[in-house]
Amino acid sequence: MGKMRGAIVVDNERCKGCEVCMVNCPADTIAMASEVNGKGYHYAYMEKPETCTGCANCSIVCPDGVITVYRVKA
């Protein structure tokens, strides 16, 4: 079985920057952007896309459901 790779898509305008996804990412993929969204929050983004495994921990713990996870075989 091939190694799984992942990618996340964050709805930047709905993200409130709570950082729950960031601390629950076992691959240390997610960081908070230095820019802010329309509501004034720093939003989550994939800082290290090459480390994402597609485990979906970030999506599961996101209180606002703004993260979508995709998995592909590498």
PDB file of N, CA and C in Angstrom:
ATOM      1  N   MET A   1       0.842  -1.185   0.000  1.00  0.00           N
ATOM      2  CA  MET A   1       0.000   0.000   0.000  1.00  0.00           C
ATOM      3  C   MET A   1       0.881   1.239   0.000  1.00  0.00           C
ATOM      4  N   GLY A   2       0.565   2.211  -0.854  1.00  0.00           N
ATOM      5  CA  GLY A   2       1.356   3.421  -0.967  1.00  0.00           C
ATOM      6  C   GLY A   2       1.133   4.367   0.203  1.00  0.00           C
ATOM      7  N   LYS A   3       2.060   5.260   0.351  1.00  0.00           N
ATOM      8  CA  LYS A   3       1.956   6.256   1.409  1.00  0.00           C
ATOM      9  C   LYS A   3       0.835   7.230   1.086  1.00  0.00           C
ATOM     10  N   MET A   4       0.072   7.590   2.103  1.00  0.00           N
ATOM     11  CA  MET A   4      -1.016   8.541   1.897  1.00  0.00           C
ATOM     12  C   MET A   4      -0.510   9.968   2.086  1.00  0.00           C
ATOM     13  N   ARG A   5      -0.943  10.829   1.208  1.00  0.00           N
ATOM     14  CA  ARG A   5      -0.652  12.260   1.316  1.00  0.00           C
ATOM     15  C   ARG A   5      -1.983  12.958   1.481  1.00  0.00           C
ATOM     16  N   GLY A   6      -1.942  14.100   2.063  1.00  0.00           N
ATOM     17  CA  GLY A   6      -3.176  14.831   2.267  1.00  0.00           C
ATOM     18  C   GLY A   6      -3.038  16.291   1.921  1.00  0.00           C
ATOM     19  N   ALA A   7      -4.169  16.950   1.914  1.00  0.00           N
ATOM     20  CA  ALA A   7      -4.223  18.394   1.710  1.00  0.00           C
ATOM     21  C   ALA A   7      -5.466  18.901   2.414  1.00  0.00           C
ATOM     22  N   ILE A   8      -5.377  20.114   2.926  1.00  0.00           N
ATOM     23  CA  ILE A   8      -6.550  20.704   3.560  1.00  0.00           C
ATOM     24  C   ILE A   8      -6.935  21.982   2.832  1.00  0.00           C
ATOM     25  N   VAL A   9      -8.218  22.269   2.876  1.00  0.00           N
ATOM     26  CA  VAL A   9      -8.735  23.531   2.370  1.00  0.00           C
ATOM     27  C   VAL A   9      -9.480  24.181   3.524  1.00  0.00           C
ATOM     28  N   VAL A  10      -9.099  25.411   3.840  1.00  0.00           N
ATOM     29  CA  VAL A  10      -9.711  26.147   4.947  1.00  0.00           C
ATOM     30  C   VAL A  10     -10.567  27.265   4.366  1.00  0.00           C
ATOM     31  N   ASP A  11     -11.794  27.386   4.853  1.00  0.00           N
ATOM     32  CA  ASP A  11     -12.649  28.514   4.485  1.00  0.00           C
ATOM     33  C   ASP A  11     -12.140  29.711   5.293  1.00  0.00           C
ATOM     34  N   ASN A  12     -11.237  30.473   4.696  1.00  0.00           N
ATOM     35  CA  ASN A  12     -10.544  31.556   5.397  1.00  0.00           C
ATOM     36  C   ASN A  12     -11.488  32.569   6.031  1.00  0.00           C
ATOM     37  N   GLU A  13     -12.571  32.866   5.376  1.00  0.00           N
ATOM     38  CA  GLU A  13     -13.495  33.878   5.897  1.00  0.00           C
ATOM     39  C   GLU A  13     -14.304  33.396   7.089  1.00  0.00           C
ATOM     40  N   ARG A  14     -14.461  32.088   7.244  1.00  0.00           N
ATOM     41  CA  ARG A  14     -15.210  31.552   8.383  1.00  0.00           C
ATOM     42  C   ARG A  14     -14.316  31.123   9.537  1.00  0.00           C
ATOM     43  N   CYS A  15     -13.013  31.007   9.298  1.00  0.00           N
ATOM     44  CA  CYS A  15     -12.080  30.584  10.341  1.00  0.00           C
ATOM     45  C   CYS A  15     -11.935  31.701  11.372  1.00  0.00           C
ATOM     46  N   LYS A  16     -12.045  31.324  12.664  1.00  0.00           N
ATOM     47  CA  LYS A  16     -11.919  32.326  13.726  1.00  0.00           C
ATOM     48  C   LYS A  16     -10.565  32.270  14.430  1.00  0.00           C
ATOM     49  N   GLY A  17      -9.645  31.471  13.911  1.00  0.00           N
ATOM     50  CA  GLY A  17      -8.280  31.451  14.424  1.00  0.00           C
ATOM     51  C   GLY A  17      -8.136  30.905  15.825  1.00  0.00           C
ATOM     52  N   CYS A  18      -8.940  29.924  16.196  1.00  0.00           N
ATOM     53  CA  CYS A  18      -8.906  29.381  17.560  1.00  0.00           C
ATOM     54  C   CYS A  18      -7.679  28.507  17.811  1.00  0.00           C
ATOM     55  N   GLU A  19      -7.007  28.069  16.754  1.00  0.00           N
ATOM     56  CA  GLU A  19      -5.783  27.262  16.800  1.00  0.00           C
ATOM     57  C   GLU A  19      -5.987  25.822  17.271  1.00  0.00           C
ATOM     58  N   VAL A  20      -7.224  25.376  17.419  1.00  0.00           N
ATOM     59  CA  VAL A  20      -7.475  23.996  17.836  1.00  0.00           C
ATOM     60  C   VAL A  20      -6.933  23.026  16.788  1.00  0.00           C
ATOM     61  N   CYS A  21      -7.100  23.340  15.519  1.00  0.00           N
ATOM     62  CA  CYS A  21      -6.592  22.477  14.448  1.00  0.00           C
ATOM     63  C   CYS A  21      -5.075  22.387  14.499  1.00  0.00           C
ATOM     64  N   MET A  22      -4.440  23.500  14.759  1.00  0.00           N
ATOM     65  CA  MET A  22      -2.983  23.566  14.762  1.00  0.00           C
ATOM     66  C   MET A  22      -2.391  22.675  15.852  1.00  0.00           C
ATOM     67  N   VAL A  23      -2.932  22.722  17.050  1.00  0.00           N
ATOM     68  CA  VAL A  23      -2.373  21.932  18.152  1.00  0.00           C
ATOM     69  C   VAL A  23      -2.745  20.455  18.049  1.00  0.00           C
ATOM     70  N   ASN A  24      -3.746  20.116  17.237  1.00  0.00           N
ATOM     71  CA  ASN A  24      -4.148  18.719  17.067  1.00  0.00           C
ATOM     72  C   ASN A  24      -3.571  18.072  15.823  1.00  0.00           C
ATOM     73  N   CYS A  25      -2.734  18.780  15.093  1.00  0.00           N
ATOM     74  CA  CYS A  25      -2.120  18.238  13.881  1.00  0.00           C
ATOM     75  C   CYS A  25      -0.847  17.476  14.251  1.00  0.00           C
ATOM     76  N   PRO A  26      -0.838  16.138  14.091  1.00  0.00           N
ATOM     77  CA  PRO A  26       0.342  15.362  14.466  1.00  0.00           C
ATOM     78  C   PRO A  26       1.539  15.589  13.541  1.00  0.00           C
ATOM     79  N   ALA A  27       1.284  16.120  12.358  1.00  0.00           N
ATOM     80  CA  ALA A  27       2.361  16.335  11.393  1.00  0.00           C
ATOM     81  C   ALA A  27       2.885  17.766  11.396  1.00  0.00           C
ATOM     82  N   ASP A  28       2.357  18.615  12.275  1.00  0.00           N
ATOM     83  CA  ASP A  28       2.792  20.013  12.374  1.00  0.00           C
ATOM     84  C   ASP A  28       2.668  20.734  11.030  1.00  0.00           C
ATOM     85  N   THR A  29       1.563  20.486  10.334  1.00  0.00           N
ATOM     86  CA  THR A  29       1.338  21.038   9.000  1.00  0.00           C
ATOM     87  C   THR A  29       0.720  22.426   9.030  1.00  0.00           C
ATOM     88  N   ILE A  30      -0.091  22.695  10.033  1.00  0.00           N
ATOM     89  CA  ILE A  30      -0.937  23.899  10.052  1.00  0.00           C
ATOM     90  C   ILE A  30      -0.317  25.015  10.884  1.00  0.00           C
ATOM     91  N   ALA A  31      -0.480  26.243  10.385  1.00  0.00           N
ATOM     92  CA  ALA A  31      -0.046  27.440  11.110  1.00  0.00           C
ATOM     93  C   ALA A  31      -1.126  28.498  10.951  1.00  0.00           C
ATOM     94  N   MET A  32      -0.986  29.574  11.675  1.00  0.00           N
ATOM     95  CA  MET A  32      -1.906  30.697  11.542  1.00  0.00           C
ATOM     96  C   MET A  32      -1.279  31.739  10.618  1.00  0.00           C
ATOM     97  N   ALA A  33      -2.081  32.241   9.704  1.00  0.00           N
ATOM     98  CA  ALA A  33      -1.601  33.233   8.741  1.00  0.00           C
ATOM     99  C   ALA A  33      -1.309  34.553   9.444  1.00  0.00           C
ATOM    100  N   SER A  34      -0.361  35.300   8.925  1.00  0.00           N
ATOM    101  CA  SER A  34      -0.075  36.615   9.495  1.00  0.00           C
ATOM    102  C   SER A  34      -1.135  37.622   9.052  1.00  0.00           C
ATOM    103  N   GLU A  35      -1.809  37.325   7.923  1.00  0.00           N
ATOM    104  CA  GLU A  35      -2.899  38.171   7.456  1.00  0.00           C
ATOM    105  C   GLU A  35      -4.161  37.851   8.246  1.00  0.00           C
ATOM    106  N   VAL A  36      -5.142  38.737   8.173  1.00  0.00           N
ATOM    107  CA  VAL A  36      -6.417  38.502   8.837  1.00  0.00           C
ATOM    108  C   VAL A  36      -7.530  38.436   7.802  1.00  0.00           C
ATOM    109  N   ASN A  37      -8.616  37.738   8.175  1.00  0.00           N
ATOM    110  CA  ASN A  37      -9.770  37.654   7.279  1.00  0.00           C
ATOM    111  C   ASN A  37     -10.678  38.872   7.482  1.00  0.00           C
ATOM    112  N   GLY A  38     -11.822  38.864   6.846  1.00  0.00           N
ATOM    113  CA  GLY A  38     -12.746  39.994   6.912  1.00  0.00           C
ATOM    114  C   GLY A  38     -13.280  40.279   8.302  1.00  0.00           C
ATOM    115  N   LYS A  39     -13.197  39.303   9.191  1.00  0.00           N
ATOM    116  CA  LYS A  39     -13.671  39.483  10.567  1.00  0.00           C
ATOM    117  C   LYS A  39     -12.537  39.873  11.520  1.00  0.00           C
ATOM    118  N   GLY A  40     -11.319  39.961  10.981  1.00  0.00           N
ATOM    119  CA  GLY A  40     -10.184  40.374  11.790  1.00  0.00           C
ATOM    120  C   GLY A  40      -9.438  39.245  12.475  1.00  0.00           C
ATOM    121  N   TYR A  41      -9.699  37.994  12.085  1.00  0.00           N
ATOM    122  CA  TYR A  41      -9.040  36.838  12.692  1.00  0.00           C
ATOM    123  C   TYR A  41      -7.897  36.340  11.822  1.00  0.00           C
ATOM    124  N   HIS A  42      -6.823  35.906  12.452  1.00  0.00           N
ATOM    125  CA  HIS A  42      -5.767  35.185  11.745  1.00  0.00           C
ATOM    126  C   HIS A  42      -6.339  33.797  11.461  1.00  0.00           C
ATOM    127  N   TYR A  43      -6.225  33.329  10.240  1.00  0.00           N
ATOM    128  CA  TYR A  43      -6.837  32.061   9.849  1.00  0.00           C
ATOM    129  C   TYR A  43      -5.789  30.977   9.647  1.00  0.00           C
ATOM    130  N   ALA A  44      -6.228  29.719   9.729  1.00  0.00           N
ATOM    131  CA  ALA A  44      -5.344  28.569   9.563  1.00  0.00           C
ATOM    132  C   ALA A  44      -5.001  28.370   8.088  1.00  0.00           C
ATOM    133  N   TYR A  45      -3.803  27.851   7.835  1.00  0.00           N
ATOM    134  CA  TYR A  45      -3.399  27.489   6.475  1.00  0.00           C
ATOM    135  C   TYR A  45      -2.342  26.394   6.546  1.00  0.00           C
ATOM    136  N   MET A  46      -2.092  25.751   5.429  1.00  0.00           N
ATOM    137  CA  MET A  46      -1.085  24.685   5.350  1.00  0.00           C
ATOM    138  C   MET A  46       0.298  25.311   5.217  1.00  0.00           C
ATOM    139  N   GLU A  47       1.019  25.393   6.317  1.00  0.00           N
ATOM    140  CA  GLU A  47       2.365  25.959   6.272  1.00  0.00           C
ATOM    141  C   GLU A  47       3.351  24.974   5.638  1.00  0.00           C
ATOM    142  N   LYS A  48       3.168  23.671   5.936  1.00  0.00           N
ATOM    143  CA  LYS A  48       4.064  22.632   5.420  1.00  0.00           C
ATOM    144  C   LYS A  48       3.232  21.567   4.704  1.00  0.00           C
ATOM    145  N   PRO A  49       2.781  21.830   3.491  1.00  0.00           N
ATOM    146  CA  PRO A  49       1.906  20.885   2.790  1.00  0.00           C
ATOM    147  C   PRO A  49       2.528  19.511   2.567  1.00  0.00           C
ATOM    148  N   GLU A  50       3.846  19.442   2.497  1.00  0.00           N
ATOM    149  CA  GLU A  50       4.506  18.156   2.251  1.00  0.00           C
ATOM    150  C   GLU A  50       4.407  17.211   3.445  1.00  0.00           C
ATOM    151  N   THR A  51       4.055  17.717   4.621  1.00  0.00           N
ATOM    152  CA  THR A  51       3.971  16.860   5.809  1.00  0.00           C
ATOM    153  C   THR A  51       2.561  16.331   6.074  1.00  0.00           C
ATOM    154  N   CYS A  52       1.565  16.835   5.373  1.00  0.00           N
ATOM    155  CA  CYS A  52       0.172  16.442   5.628  1.00  0.00           C
ATOM    156  C   CYS A  52      -0.071  14.992   5.204  1.00  0.00           C
ATOM    157  N   THR A  53      -0.654  14.215   6.111  1.00  0.00           N
ATOM    158  CA  THR A  53      -0.959  12.814   5.836  1.00  0.00           C
ATOM    159  C   THR A  53      -2.439  12.593   5.521  1.00  0.00           C
ATOM    160  N   GLY A  54      -3.249  13.622   5.677  1.00  0.00           N
ATOM    161  CA  GLY A  54      -4.684  13.484   5.427  1.00  0.00           C
ATOM    162  C   GLY A  54      -5.414  12.797   6.564  1.00  0.00           C
ATOM    163  N   CYS A  55      -4.880  12.862   7.777  1.00  0.00           N
ATOM    164  CA  CYS A  55      -5.468  12.157   8.920  1.00  0.00           C
ATOM    165  C   CYS A  55      -6.831  12.713   9.316  1.00  0.00           C
ATOM    166  N   ALA A  56      -7.127  13.948   8.965  1.00  0.00           N
ATOM    167  CA  ALA A  56      -8.401  14.628   9.226  1.00  0.00           C
ATOM    168  C   ALA A  56      -8.604  15.039  10.677  1.00  0.00           C
ATOM    169  N   ASN A  57      -7.576  14.958  11.519  1.00  0.00           N
ATOM    170  CA  ASN A  57      -7.713  15.432  12.896  1.00  0.00           C
ATOM    171  C   ASN A  57      -8.170  16.890  12.927  1.00  0.00           C
ATOM    172  N   CYS A  58      -7.604  17.711  12.071  1.00  0.00           N
ATOM    173  CA  CYS A  58      -7.941  19.136  12.049  1.00  0.00           C
ATOM    174  C   CYS A  58      -9.418  19.355  11.751  1.00  0.00           C
ATOM    175  N   SER A  59      -9.921  18.629  10.787  1.00  0.00           N
ATOM    176  CA  SER A  59     -11.319  18.758  10.406  1.00  0.00           C
ATOM    177  C   SER A  59     -12.256  18.281  11.513  1.00  0.00           C
ATOM    178  N   ILE A  60     -11.870  17.202  12.175  1.00  0.00           N
ATOM    179  CA  ILE A  60     -12.696  16.635  13.240  1.00  0.00           C
ATOM    180  C   ILE A  60     -12.808  17.587  14.424  1.00  0.00           C
ATOM    181  N   VAL A  61     -11.710  18.228  14.810  1.00  0.00           N
ATOM    182  CA  VAL A  61     -11.725  19.078  16.000  1.00  0.00           C
ATOM    183  C   VAL A  61     -12.159  20.519  15.730  1.00  0.00           C
ATOM    184  N   CYS A  62     -12.251  20.917  14.469  1.00  0.00           N
ATOM    185  CA  CYS A  62     -12.624  22.297  14.147  1.00  0.00           C
ATOM    186  C   CYS A  62     -14.049  22.584  14.633  1.00  0.00           C
ATOM    187  N   PRO A  63     -14.211  23.526  15.559  1.00  0.00           N
ATOM    188  CA  PRO A  63     -15.544  23.792  16.107  1.00  0.00           C
ATOM    189  C   PRO A  63     -16.502  24.425  15.102  1.00  0.00           C
ATOM    190  N   ASP A  64     -15.961  25.019  14.043  1.00  0.00           N
ATOM    191  CA  ASP A  64     -16.812  25.686  13.055  1.00  0.00           C
ATOM    192  C   ASP A  64     -16.925  24.929  11.745  1.00  0.00           C
ATOM    193  N   GLY A  65     -16.249  23.790  11.629  1.00  0.00           N
ATOM    194  CA  GLY A  65     -16.343  22.970  10.421  1.00  0.00           C
ATOM    195  C   GLY A  65     -15.859  23.663   9.164  1.00  0.00           C
ATOM    196  N   VAL A  66     -14.777  24.417   9.270  1.00  0.00           N
ATOM    197  CA  VAL A  66     -14.300  25.180   8.120  1.00  0.00           C
ATOM    198  C   VAL A  66     -13.160  24.505   7.363  1.00  0.00           C
ATOM    199  N   ILE A  67     -12.774  23.282   7.791  1.00  0.00           N
ATOM    200  CA  ILE A  67     -11.651  22.585   7.157  1.00  0.00           C
ATOM    201  C   ILE A  67     -12.137  21.343   6.412  1.00  0.00           C
ATOM    202  N   THR A  68     -11.735  21.238   5.161  1.00  0.00           N
ATOM    203  CA  THR A  68     -12.013  20.058   4.352  1.00  0.00           C
ATOM    204  C   THR A  68     -10.679  19.362   4.090  1.00  0.00           C
ATOM    205  N   VAL A  69     -10.662  18.043   4.255  1.00  0.00           N
ATOM    206  CA  VAL A  69      -9.424  17.268   4.070  1.00  0.00           C
ATOM    207  C   VAL A  69      -9.545  16.381   2.862  1.00  0.00           C
ATOM    208  N   TYR A  70      -8.491  16.346   2.063  1.00  0.00           N
ATOM    209  CA  TYR A  70      -8.425  15.469   0.896  1.00  0.00           C
ATOM    210  C   TYR A  70      -7.271  14.510   1.080  1.00  0.00           C
ATOM    211  N   ARG A  71      -7.444  13.249   0.662  1.00  0.00           N
ATOM    212  CA  ARG A  71      -6.383  12.244   0.753  1.00  0.00           C
ATOM    213  C   ARG A  71      -6.135  11.649  -0.625  1.00  0.00           C
ATOM    214  N   VAL A  72      -4.855  11.463  -0.932  1.00  0.00           N
ATOM    215  CA  VAL A  72      -4.470  10.847  -2.193  1.00  0.00           C
ATOM    216  C   VAL A  72      -3.292   9.912  -1.943  1.00  0.00           C
ATOM    217  N   LYS A  73      -3.147   8.888  -2.758  1.00  0.00           N
ATOM    218  CA  LYS A  73      -1.969   8.029  -2.665  1.00  0.00           C
ATOM    219  C   LYS A  73      -0.800   8.738  -3.305  1.00  0.00           C
ATOM    220  N   ALA A  74       0.319   8.711  -2.605  1.00  0.00           N
ATOM    221  CA  ALA A  74       1.512   9.396  -3.118  1.00  0.00           C
ATOM    222  C   ALA A  74       2.331   8.462  -3.974  1.00  0.00           C
TER     223      ALA A  74
END
